[in-house]
């Protein structure tokens, strides 16, 4: 359908119709992105995740609050 036909059928002028459709797409897109960005949570019954250095495979000693770890073995810095 063309814009004049839609305006005649719905009674809404074209710029308002475009704005309403754009707003609806914005809202739907927000829900889709929010749904996709869910972080999987570890349940109490699941095993812990083992962290290893991506360069040498050594286990890190401590995990600082920032999430950046430096491997004691090879010195590689990585995010967890």
PDB file of N, CA and C in Angstrom:
ATOM      1  N   UNK A   1       0.831  -1.179   0.000  1.00  0.00           N
ATOM      2  CA  UNK A   1       0.000   0.000   0.000  1.00  0.00           C
ATOM      3  C   UNK A   1       0.874   1.240   0.000  1.00  0.00           C
ATOM      4  N   UNK A   2       0.378   2.241  -0.643  1.00  0.00           N
ATOM      5  CA  UNK A   2       1.117   3.503  -0.668  1.00  0.00           C
ATOM      6  C   UNK A   2       0.715   4.349   0.541  1.00  0.00           C
ATOM      7  N   UNK A   3       1.494   5.352   0.813  1.00  0.00           N
ATOM      8  CA  UNK A   3       1.260   6.204   1.974  1.00  0.00           C
ATOM      9  C   UNK A   3      -0.113   6.884   1.942  1.00  0.00           C
ATOM     10  N   UNK A   4      -0.567   7.433   0.802  1.00  0.00           N
ATOM     11  CA  UNK A   4      -1.901   8.051   0.797  1.00  0.00           C
ATOM     12  C   UNK A   4      -3.012   7.041   1.081  1.00  0.00           C
ATOM     13  N   UNK A   5      -2.845   5.803   0.603  1.00  0.00           N
ATOM     14  CA  UNK A   5      -3.865   4.784   0.846  1.00  0.00           C
ATOM     15  C   UNK A   5      -3.913   4.429   2.336  1.00  0.00           C
ATOM     16  N   UNK A   6      -2.746   4.273   2.941  1.00  0.00           N
ATOM     17  CA  UNK A   6      -2.691   3.962   4.369  1.00  0.00           C
ATOM     18  C   UNK A   6      -3.294   5.104   5.168  1.00  0.00           C
ATOM     19  N   UNK A   7      -2.982   6.332   4.798  1.00  0.00           N
ATOM     20  CA  UNK A   7      -3.532   7.488   5.502  1.00  0.00           C
ATOM     21  C   UNK A   7      -5.046   7.549   5.353  1.00  0.00           C
ATOM     22  N   UNK A   8      -5.549   7.200   4.186  1.00  0.00           N
ATOM     23  CA  UNK A   8      -6.990   7.231   3.961  1.00  0.00           C
ATOM     24  C   UNK A   8      -7.689   6.130   4.759  1.00  0.00           C
ATOM     25  N   UNK A   9      -7.085   4.962   4.846  1.00  0.00           N
ATOM     26  CA  UNK A   9      -7.702   3.835   5.553  1.00  0.00           C
ATOM     27  C   UNK A   9      -7.630   4.040   7.066  1.00  0.00           C
ATOM     28  N   UNK A  10      -6.486   4.437   7.564  1.00  0.00           N
ATOM     29  CA  UNK A  10      -6.315   4.541   9.015  1.00  0.00           C
ATOM     30  C   UNK A  10      -6.706   5.895   9.570  1.00  0.00           C
ATOM     31  N   UNK A  11      -6.721   6.912   8.762  1.00  0.00           N
ATOM     32  CA  UNK A  11      -7.020   8.253   9.235  1.00  0.00           C
ATOM     33  C   UNK A  11      -5.811   8.931   9.852  1.00  0.00           C
ATOM     34  N   UNK A  12      -4.646   8.304   9.749  1.00  0.00           N
ATOM     35  CA  UNK A  12      -3.420   8.873  10.311  1.00  0.00           C
ATOM     36  C   UNK A  12      -2.585   9.416   9.162  1.00  0.00           C
ATOM     37  N   UNK A  13      -2.087  10.620   9.307  1.00  0.00           N
ATOM     38  CA  UNK A  13      -1.283  11.206   8.248  1.00  0.00           C
ATOM     39  C   UNK A  13       0.069  10.507   8.181  1.00  0.00           C
ATOM     40  N   UNK A  14       0.700  10.570   7.045  1.00  0.00           N
ATOM     41  CA  UNK A  14       1.913   9.824   6.777  1.00  0.00           C
ATOM     42  C   UNK A  14       3.045  10.080   7.769  1.00  0.00           C
ATOM     43  N   UNK A  15       3.424  11.297   8.102  1.00  0.00           N
ATOM     44  CA  UNK A  15       4.528  11.490   9.052  1.00  0.00           C
ATOM     45  C   UNK A  15       4.246  10.877  10.426  1.00  0.00           C
ATOM     46  N   UNK A  16       3.012  10.986  10.888  1.00  0.00           N
ATOM     47  CA  UNK A  16       2.667  10.391  12.182  1.00  0.00           C
ATOM     48  C   UNK A  16       2.717   8.875  12.102  1.00  0.00           C
ATOM     49  N   UNK A  17       2.300   8.310  10.984  1.00  0.00           N
ATOM     50  CA  UNK A  17       2.333   6.862  10.801  1.00  0.00           C
ATOM     51  C   UNK A  17       3.768   6.357  10.786  1.00  0.00           C
ATOM     52  N   UNK A  18       4.637   7.068  10.100  1.00  0.00           N
ATOM     53  CA  UNK A  18       6.050   6.685  10.058  1.00  0.00           C
ATOM     54  C   UNK A  18       6.654   6.773  11.459  1.00  0.00           C
ATOM     55  N   UNK A  19       6.308   7.814  12.196  1.00  0.00           N
ATOM     56  CA  UNK A  19       6.825   7.961  13.557  1.00  0.00           C
ATOM     57  C   UNK A  19       6.333   6.835  14.455  1.00  0.00           C
ATOM     58  N   UNK A  20       5.076   6.456  14.341  1.00  0.00           N
ATOM     59  CA  UNK A  20       4.526   5.372  15.155  1.00  0.00           C
ATOM     60  C   UNK A  20       5.174   4.029  14.815  1.00  0.00           C
ATOM     61  N   UNK A  21       5.365   3.753  13.538  1.00  0.00           N
ATOM     62  CA  UNK A  21       6.009   2.505  13.129  1.00  0.00           C
ATOM     63  C   UNK A  21       7.463   2.486  13.607  1.00  0.00           C
ATOM     64  N   UNK A  22       8.154   3.611  13.480  1.00  0.00           N
ATOM     65  CA  UNK A  22       9.530   3.682  13.954  1.00  0.00           C
ATOM     66  C   UNK A  22       9.626   3.477  15.459  1.00  0.00           C
ATOM     67  N   UNK A  23       8.705   4.060  16.194  1.00  0.00           N
ATOM     68  CA  UNK A  23       8.699   3.896  17.648  1.00  0.00           C
ATOM     69  C   UNK A  23       8.423   2.444  18.023  1.00  0.00           C
ATOM     70  N   UNK A  24       7.492   1.807  17.325  1.00  0.00           N
ATOM     71  CA  UNK A  24       7.190   0.395  17.593  1.00  0.00           C
ATOM     72  C   UNK A  24       8.406  -0.478  17.312  1.00  0.00           C
ATOM     73  N   UNK A  25       9.114  -0.213  16.218  1.00  0.00           N
ATOM     74  CA  UNK A  25      10.312  -0.982  15.910  1.00  0.00           C
ATOM     75  C   UNK A  25      11.400  -0.756  16.944  1.00  0.00           C
ATOM     76  N   UNK A  26      11.512   0.454  17.455  1.00  0.00           N
ATOM     77  CA  UNK A  26      12.484   0.767  18.490  1.00  0.00           C
ATOM     78  C   UNK A  26      12.199  -0.027  19.765  1.00  0.00           C
ATOM     79  N   UNK A  27      10.944  -0.086  20.156  1.00  0.00           N
ATOM     80  CA  UNK A  27      10.559  -0.815  21.359  1.00  0.00           C
ATOM     81  C   UNK A  27      10.807  -2.309  21.175  1.00  0.00           C
ATOM     82  N   UNK A  28      10.383  -2.862  20.042  1.00  0.00           N
ATOM     83  CA  UNK A  28      10.595  -4.289  19.778  1.00  0.00           C
ATOM     84  C   UNK A  28      12.081  -4.605  19.729  1.00  0.00           C
ATOM     85  N   UNK A  29      12.872  -3.766  19.093  1.00  0.00           N
ATOM     86  CA  UNK A  29      14.316  -3.977  19.036  1.00  0.00           C
ATOM     87  C   UNK A  29      14.947  -3.948  20.416  1.00  0.00           C
ATOM     88  N   UNK A  30      14.472  -3.072  21.278  1.00  0.00           N
ATOM     89  CA  UNK A  30      14.975  -3.013  22.649  1.00  0.00           C
ATOM     90  C   UNK A  30      14.708  -4.299  23.406  1.00  0.00           C
ATOM     91  N   UNK A  31      13.515  -4.854  23.226  1.00  0.00           N
ATOM     92  CA  UNK A  31      13.192  -6.123  23.879  1.00  0.00           C
ATOM     93  C   UNK A  31      14.053  -7.258  23.335  1.00  0.00           C
ATOM     94  N   UNK A  32      14.289  -7.258  22.038  1.00  0.00           N
ATOM     95  CA  UNK A  32      15.107  -8.320  21.430  1.00  0.00           C
ATOM     96  C   UNK A  32      16.528  -8.245  21.955  1.00  0.00           C
ATOM     97  N   UNK A  33      17.120  -7.059  22.000  1.00  0.00           N
ATOM     98  CA  UNK A  33      18.482  -6.927  22.495  1.00  0.00           C
ATOM     99  C   UNK A  33      18.579  -7.251  23.981  1.00  0.00           C
ATOM    100  N   UNK A  34      17.587  -6.847  24.748  1.00  0.00           N
ATOM    101  CA  UNK A  34      17.593  -7.160  26.178  1.00  0.00           C
ATOM    102  C   UNK A  34      17.495  -8.666  26.389  1.00  0.00           C
ATOM    103  N   UNK A  35      16.728  -9.332  25.569  1.00  0.00           N
ATOM    104  CA  UNK A  35      16.567 -10.777  25.688  1.00  0.00           C
ATOM    105  C   UNK A  35      17.851 -11.499  25.294  1.00  0.00           C
ATOM    106  N   UNK A  36      18.563 -11.005  24.285  1.00  0.00           N
ATOM    107  CA  UNK A  36      19.780 -11.649  23.819  1.00  0.00           C
ATOM    108  C   UNK A  36      20.947 -11.430  24.768  1.00  0.00           C
ATOM    109  N   UNK A  37      20.965 -10.334  25.513  1.00  0.00           N
ATOM    110  CA  UNK A  37      22.107  -9.994  26.355  1.00  0.00           C
ATOM    111  C   UNK A  37      22.033 -10.600  27.747  1.00  0.00           C
ATOM    112  N   UNK A  38      21.105 -11.534  27.977  1.00  0.00           N
ATOM    113  CA  UNK A  38      21.023 -12.148  29.290  1.00  0.00           C
ATOM    114  C   UNK A  38      22.301 -12.926  29.570  1.00  0.00           C
ATOM    115  N   UNK A  39      22.878 -12.673  30.719  1.00  0.00           N
ATOM    116  CA  UNK A  39      24.104 -13.350  31.116  1.00  0.00           C
ATOM    117  C   UNK A  39      23.719 -14.658  31.786  1.00  0.00           C
ATOM    118  N   UNK A  40      24.274 -15.769  31.323  1.00  0.00           N
ATOM    119  CA  UNK A  40      23.927 -17.026  31.986  1.00  0.00           C
ATOM    120  C   UNK A  40      24.457 -17.033  33.419  1.00  0.00           C
ATOM    121  N   UNK A  41      23.607 -17.339  34.335  1.00  0.00           N
ATOM    122  CA  UNK A  41      23.978 -17.371  35.747  1.00  0.00           C
ATOM    123  C   UNK A  41      24.323 -18.802  36.148  1.00  0.00           C
ATOM    124  N   UNK A  42      25.294 -18.918  37.036  1.00  0.00           N
ATOM    125  CA  UNK A  42      25.674 -20.229  37.526  1.00  0.00           C
ATOM    126  C   UNK A  42      24.691 -20.627  38.615  1.00  0.00           C
ATOM    127  N   UNK A  43      24.078 -21.783  38.450  1.00  0.00           N
ATOM    128  CA  UNK A  43      23.149 -22.282  39.447  1.00  0.00           C
ATOM    129  C   UNK A  43      23.932 -22.963  40.561  1.00  0.00           C
ATOM    130  N   UNK A  44      23.377 -23.050  41.752  1.00  0.00           N
ATOM    131  CA  UNK A  44      24.115 -23.643  42.866  1.00  0.00           C
ATOM    132  C   UNK A  44      24.569 -25.083  42.617  1.00  0.00           C
ATOM    133  N   UNK A  45      23.865 -25.844  41.799  1.00  0.00           N
ATOM    134  CA  UNK A  45      24.235 -27.232  41.550  1.00  0.00           C
ATOM    135  C   UNK A  45      25.241 -27.422  40.433  1.00  0.00           C
ATOM    136  N   UNK A  46      25.560 -26.368  39.684  1.00  0.00           N
ATOM    137  CA  UNK A  46      26.471 -26.526  38.547  1.00  0.00           C
ATOM    138  C   UNK A  46      27.926 -26.457  39.015  1.00  0.00           C
ATOM    139  N   UNK A  47      28.824 -27.114  38.291  1.00  0.00           N
ATOM    140  CA  UNK A  47      30.234 -27.096  38.702  1.00  0.00           C
ATOM    141  C   UNK A  47      30.853 -25.720  38.472  1.00  0.00           C
ATOM    142  N   UNK A  48      31.881 -25.362  39.234  1.00  0.00           N
ATOM    143  CA  UNK A  48      32.541 -24.066  39.037  1.00  0.00           C
ATOM    144  C   UNK A  48      33.282 -24.027  37.702  1.00  0.00           C
ATOM    145  N   UNK A  49      33.473 -22.824  37.198  1.00  0.00           N
ATOM    146  CA  UNK A  49      34.184 -22.641  35.935  1.00  0.00           C
ATOM    147  C   UNK A  49      35.677 -22.575  36.215  1.00  0.00           C
ATOM    148  N   UNK A  50      36.470 -23.361  35.509  1.00  0.00           N
ATOM    149  CA  UNK A  50      37.916 -23.356  35.679  1.00  0.00           C
ATOM    150  C   UNK A  50      38.528 -22.313  34.760  1.00  0.00           C
ATOM    151  N   UNK A  51      39.290 -21.407  35.326  1.00  0.00           N
ATOM    152  CA  UNK A  51      39.935 -20.359  34.541  1.00  0.00           C
ATOM    153  C   UNK A  51      41.372 -20.760  34.249  1.00  0.00           C
ATOM    154  N   UNK A  52      41.780 -20.538  33.017  1.00  0.00           N
ATOM    155  CA  UNK A  52      43.145 -20.830  32.591  1.00  0.00           C
ATOM    156  C   UNK A  52      43.659 -19.664  31.757  1.00  0.00           C
ATOM    157  N   UNK A  53      44.968 -19.464  31.774  1.00  0.00           N
ATOM    158  CA  UNK A  53      45.606 -18.443  30.953  1.00  0.00           C
ATOM    159  C   UNK A  53      45.437 -18.844  29.486  1.00  0.00           C
ATOM    160  N   UNK A  54      45.000 -17.922  28.629  1.00  0.00           N
ATOM    161  CA  UNK A  54      44.821 -18.269  27.214  1.00  0.00           C
ATOM    162  C   UNK A  54      46.150 -18.511  26.492  1.00  0.00           C
ATOM    163  N   UNK A  55      47.258 -18.069  27.060  1.00  0.00           N
ATOM    164  CA  UNK A  55      48.558 -18.219  26.415  1.00  0.00           C
ATOM    165  C   UNK A  55      49.242 -19.525  26.803  1.00  0.00           C
ATOM    166  N   UNK A  56      49.309 -19.812  28.126  1.00  0.00           N
ATOM    167  CA  UNK A  56      50.080 -20.984  28.561  1.00  0.00           C
ATOM    168  C   UNK A  56      49.243 -22.038  29.265  1.00  0.00           C
ATOM    169  N   UNK A  57      48.007 -21.706  29.673  1.00  0.00           N
ATOM    170  CA  UNK A  57      47.137 -22.672  30.325  1.00  0.00           C
ATOM    171  C   UNK A  57      47.290 -22.743  31.831  1.00  0.00           C
ATOM    172  N   UNK A  58      48.119 -21.908  32.438  1.00  0.00           N
ATOM    173  CA  UNK A  58      48.292 -21.919  33.892  1.00  0.00           C
ATOM    174  C   UNK A  58      47.062 -21.324  34.568  1.00  0.00           C
ATOM    175  N   UNK A  59      46.797 -21.758  35.778  1.00  0.00           N
ATOM    176  CA  UNK A  59      45.655 -21.253  36.545  1.00  0.00           C
ATOM    177  C   UNK A  59      46.042 -19.946  37.241  1.00  0.00           C
ATOM    178  N   UNK A  60      45.169 -18.932  37.218  1.00  0.00           N
ATOM    179  CA  UNK A  60      45.481 -17.689  37.918  1.00  0.00           C
ATOM    180  C   UNK A  60      45.357 -17.880  39.428  1.00  0.00           C
ATOM    181  N   UNK A  61      46.122 -17.101  40.191  1.00  0.00           N
ATOM    182  CA  UNK A  61      46.110 -17.249  41.658  1.00  0.00           C
ATOM    183  C   UNK A  61      44.915 -16.551  42.282  1.00  0.00           C
ATOM    184  N   UNK A  62      44.794 -15.274  42.097  1.00  0.00           N
ATOM    185  CA  UNK A  62      43.703 -14.515  42.694  1.00  0.00           C
ATOM    186  C   UNK A  62      42.968 -13.733  41.629  1.00  0.00           C
ATOM    187  N   UNK A  63      41.724 -13.411  41.889  1.00  0.00           N
ATOM    188  CA  UNK A  63      40.937 -12.636  40.944  1.00  0.00           C
ATOM    189  C   UNK A  63      40.637 -11.267  41.551  1.00  0.00           C
ATOM    190  N   UNK A  64      41.256 -10.220  41.009  1.00  0.00           N
ATOM    191  CA  UNK A  64      40.991  -8.881  41.535  1.00  0.00           C
ATOM    192  C   UNK A  64      39.593  -8.412  41.150  1.00  0.00           C
ATOM    193  N   UNK A  65      39.130  -7.369  41.804  1.00  0.00           N
ATOM    194  CA  UNK A  65      37.796  -6.817  41.547  1.00  0.00           C
ATOM    195  C   UNK A  65      37.630  -6.329  40.113  1.00  0.00           C
ATOM    196  N   UNK A  66      38.710  -5.866  39.491  1.00  0.00           N
ATOM    197  CA  UNK A  66      38.609  -5.296  38.148  1.00  0.00           C
ATOM    198  C   UNK A  66      38.362  -6.344  37.079  1.00  0.00           C
ATOM    199  N   UNK A  67      38.701  -7.594  37.341  1.00  0.00           N
ATOM    200  CA  UNK A  67      38.510  -8.648  36.365  1.00  0.00           C
ATOM    201  C   UNK A  67      39.705  -8.867  35.460  1.00  0.00           C
ATOM    202  N   UNK A  68      40.744  -8.043  35.576  1.00  0.00           N
ATOM    203  CA  UNK A  68      41.957  -8.216  34.786  1.00  0.00           C
ATOM    204  C   UNK A  68      42.954  -9.038  35.607  1.00  0.00           C
ATOM    205  N   UNK A  69      43.481 -10.087  35.004  1.00  0.00           N
ATOM    206  CA  UNK A  69      44.396 -10.996  35.691  1.00  0.00           C
ATOM    207  C   UNK A  69      45.700 -11.057  34.914  1.00  0.00           C
ATOM    208  N   UNK A  70      46.809 -11.093  35.631  1.00  0.00           N
ATOM    209  CA  UNK A  70      48.114 -11.295  35.017  1.00  0.00           C
ATOM    210  C   UNK A  70      48.595 -12.684  35.407  1.00  0.00           C
ATOM    211  N   UNK A  71      48.957 -13.485  34.413  1.00  0.00           N
ATOM    212  CA  UNK A  71      49.430 -14.842  34.652  1.00  0.00           C
ATOM    213  C   UNK A  71      50.789 -14.782  35.346  1.00  0.00           C
ATOM    214  N   UNK A  72      50.927 -15.529  36.455  1.00  0.00           N
ATOM    215  CA  UNK A  72      52.192 -15.552  37.188  1.00  0.00           C
ATOM    216  C   UNK A  72      53.271 -16.314  36.427  1.00  0.00           C
ATOM    217  N   UNK A  73      52.857 -17.208  35.540  1.00  0.00           N
ATOM    218  CA  UNK A  73      53.827 -18.044  34.840  1.00  0.00           C
ATOM    219  C   UNK A  73      54.436 -17.343  33.623  1.00  0.00           C
ATOM    220  N   UNK A  74      53.555 -16.815  32.731  1.00  0.00           N
ATOM    221  CA  UNK A  74      54.080 -16.232  31.487  1.00  0.00           C
ATOM    222  C   UNK A  74      53.931 -14.709  31.405  1.00  0.00           C
ATOM    223  N   UNK A  75      53.181 -14.106  32.342  1.00  0.00           N
ATOM    224  CA  UNK A  75      53.021 -12.654  32.344  1.00  0.00           C
ATOM    225  C   UNK A  75      51.937 -12.125  31.434  1.00  0.00           C
ATOM    226  N   UNK A  76      51.146 -12.993  30.818  1.00  0.00           N
ATOM    227  CA  UNK A  76      50.056 -12.551  29.942  1.00  0.00           C
ATOM    228  C   UNK A  76      48.952 -11.929  30.787  1.00  0.00           C
ATOM    229  N   UNK A  77      48.426 -10.801  30.328  1.00  0.00           N
ATOM    230  CA  UNK A  77      47.328 -10.120  31.022  1.00  0.00           C
ATOM    231  C   UNK A  77      46.052 -10.397  30.240  1.00  0.00           C
ATOM    232  N   UNK A  78      45.005 -10.845  30.942  1.00  0.00           N
ATOM    233  CA  UNK A  78      43.733 -11.157  30.285  1.00  0.00           C
ATOM    234  C   UNK A  78      42.566 -10.817  31.201  1.00  0.00           C
ATOM    235  N   UNK A  79      41.395 -10.660  30.597  1.00  0.00           N
ATOM    236  CA  UNK A  79      40.174 -10.324  31.321  1.00  0.00           C
ATOM    237  C   UNK A  79      39.389 -11.584  31.616  1.00  0.00           C
ATOM    238  N   UNK A  80      38.771 -11.625  32.784  1.00  0.00           N
ATOM    239  CA  UNK A  80      37.910 -12.752  33.142  1.00  0.00           C
ATOM    240  C   UNK A  80      36.509 -12.257  33.380  1.00  0.00           C
TER     241      UNK A  80
END
